[in-house]
């Protein structure tokens, strides 16, 4: 599940891998402030987004084996990052493309 996250003037991407029960955070302009919002984002997404998107799945008690807020959270590394202060939205789109398509993404496009 792909969840673009806007925090003030910066976009990041939180990806939920339902099969492996894990979260991965993509940030094109990595810094500690962006990472600091993750616990709140995961908690908020759990309460607001996930039940709406997965109502049919969540109707079965403990389908995911517990609270998804406790799943491991990784920070994506070795990913392209922006060199200016305004391309974060484009990078989020490219991260989503790279996550869902089974081919190499051309970052120059």
Protein backbone atom coordinates (compact mmCIF):
# COMPACT_ATOMS: atom_id res chain seq x y z
CA UNK A 1 0.00 0.00 0.00
CA UNK A 2 1.46 3.37 -1.04
CA UNK A 3 0.91 6.37 1.23
CA UNK A 4 2.32 9.73 0.13
CA UNK A 5 2.87 11.86 3.23
CA UNK A 6 2.90 15.67 3.27
CA UNK A 7 4.58 17.29 6.25
CA UNK A 8 4.52 21.07 5.93
CA UNK A 9 6.21 21.69 2.57
CA UNK A 10 7.85 18.30 2.07
CA UNK A 11 6.52 15.08 0.54
CA UNK A 12 7.74 11.61 1.50
CA UNK A 13 6.42 8.11 0.86
CA UNK A 14 5.46 5.41 3.32
CA UNK A 15 5.03 1.96 1.77
CA UNK A 16 3.27 -0.86 3.57
CA UNK A 17 4.24 -4.34 2.42
CA UNK A 18 1.30 -6.47 3.51
CA UNK A 19 2.86 -9.81 2.57
CA UNK A 20 6.05 -9.22 4.53
CA UNK A 21 4.35 -7.22 7.31
CA UNK A 22 6.74 -4.27 7.06
CA UNK A 23 6.92 -0.51 6.43
CA UNK A 24 9.52 1.27 4.28
CA UNK A 25 9.98 5.06 4.33
CA UNK A 26 11.26 6.89 1.23
CA UNK A 27 12.62 10.41 1.61
CA UNK A 28 14.26 12.29 -1.27
CA UNK A 29 15.71 14.91 1.09
CA UNK A 30 16.62 12.80 4.13
CA UNK A 31 17.03 14.44 7.52
CA UNK A 32 16.21 13.73 11.15
CA UNK A 33 13.12 15.97 11.16
CA UNK A 34 11.46 13.87 8.47
CA UNK A 35 12.32 10.64 10.30
CA UNK A 36 10.97 12.05 13.56
CA UNK A 37 7.43 12.21 12.15
CA UNK A 38 7.35 8.49 11.30
CA UNK A 39 5.84 7.15 14.54
CA UNK A 40 3.01 9.69 14.30
CA UNK A 41 2.50 9.01 10.60
CA UNK A 42 2.35 5.24 11.06
CA UNK A 43 -0.11 5.66 13.94
CA UNK A 44 -2.24 8.15 12.01
CA UNK A 45 -2.25 6.04 8.84
CA UNK A 46 -3.28 3.04 10.90
CA UNK A 47 -6.25 4.80 12.44
CA UNK A 48 -7.40 6.81 9.41
CA UNK A 49 -6.27 5.19 6.18
CA UNK A 50 -5.77 1.48 6.65
CA UNK A 51 -9.26 0.63 7.96
CA UNK A 52 -10.85 2.49 5.04
CA UNK A 53 -8.64 0.81 2.45
CA UNK A 54 -8.74 -2.65 3.94
CA UNK A 55 -12.17 -2.90 5.53
CA UNK A 56 -12.81 -6.33 4.07
CA UNK A 57 -9.48 -7.68 5.29
CA UNK A 58 -9.56 -6.05 8.70
CA UNK A 59 -12.97 -7.53 9.42
CA UNK A 60 -11.18 -10.76 10.28
CA UNK A 61 -9.69 -10.43 13.74
CA UNK A 62 -5.90 -10.57 13.86
CA UNK A 63 -5.60 -10.99 10.10
CA UNK A 64 -2.17 -9.38 10.23
CA UNK A 65 -1.12 -11.10 13.41
CA UNK A 66 -1.37 -8.03 15.61
CA UNK A 67 -1.08 -4.28 15.51
CA UNK A 68 0.54 -3.12 12.27
CA UNK A 69 2.03 -0.17 14.12
CA UNK A 70 4.48 -2.70 15.56
CA UNK A 71 5.73 -3.91 12.17
CA UNK A 72 9.39 -3.20 11.42
CA UNK A 73 10.01 0.21 9.86
CA UNK A 74 12.97 0.65 7.51
CA UNK A 75 14.36 3.77 5.93
CA UNK A 76 15.05 3.32 2.21
CA UNK A 77 18.72 3.84 1.40
CA UNK A 78 20.66 3.85 -1.84
CA UNK A 79 17.86 5.72 -3.55
CA UNK A 80 18.08 8.81 -5.74
CA UNK A 81 17.72 12.04 -3.78
CA UNK A 82 16.87 15.56 -4.82
CA UNK A 83 19.46 18.30 -5.24
CA UNK A 84 17.09 21.23 -4.77
CA UNK A 85 14.31 22.26 -2.40
CA UNK A 86 11.28 21.66 -4.61
CA UNK A 87 11.36 18.26 -6.39
CA UNK A 88 10.15 16.09 -3.49
CA UNK A 89 6.71 15.47 -5.06
CA UNK A 90 8.30 14.24 -8.30
CA UNK A 91 10.56 11.92 -6.32
CA UNK A 92 7.55 10.51 -4.44
CA UNK A 93 5.89 9.74 -7.79
CA UNK A 94 9.06 8.04 -9.05
CA UNK A 95 9.43 6.05 -5.81
CA UNK A 96 5.83 4.84 -6.27
CA UNK A 97 6.59 3.92 -9.87
CA UNK A 98 9.71 2.02 -8.81
CA UNK A 99 7.76 0.20 -6.10
CA UNK A 100 4.90 -1.06 -8.26
CA UNK A 101 6.49 -1.61 -11.69
CA UNK A 102 8.61 -4.69 -12.40
CA UNK A 103 11.13 -2.74 -14.48
CA UNK A 104 13.95 -0.31 -13.90
CA UNK A 105 12.76 3.26 -13.49
CA UNK A 106 14.45 5.91 -15.59
CA UNK A 107 15.17 8.70 -13.13
CA UNK A 108 16.10 11.16 -15.87
CA UNK A 109 12.53 11.26 -17.20
